[in-house]
Amino acid sequence: MPQKNRSDLDGGESPLKQLREAVGLTQEELARRIGVSTKTISNWERGAYPATFNVPQIKALCRELRCSLEDLPDNFGPARSPEQA
């Protein structure tokens, strides 16, 4: 399966969702594997609030998304247009 990198991420959709789907995980699977609720993943992907992690969770996230810490996007929610900011 081809992997997406940060330059492939579409500005209108959640980068976390794109990375998650690129490795074939559902919100529920990713949530279980990194130790958060499905609702938390959904909130991060919608940009409802910023993601916060402990060290084991960030390691698990990188492992599950098959990316390095440096490859993770700074924001997991969808890009906002200037009118929404």
Foldseek 3Di string as FASTA:
>chain_A
DDADFPVPDDQFFFPLVVLCVRLPHDLCRLCVQLPHHSVVSVCQRQVVDFDDDDVSSLVSSCVSSVHDPVRDDPGRYHHDDPVVD
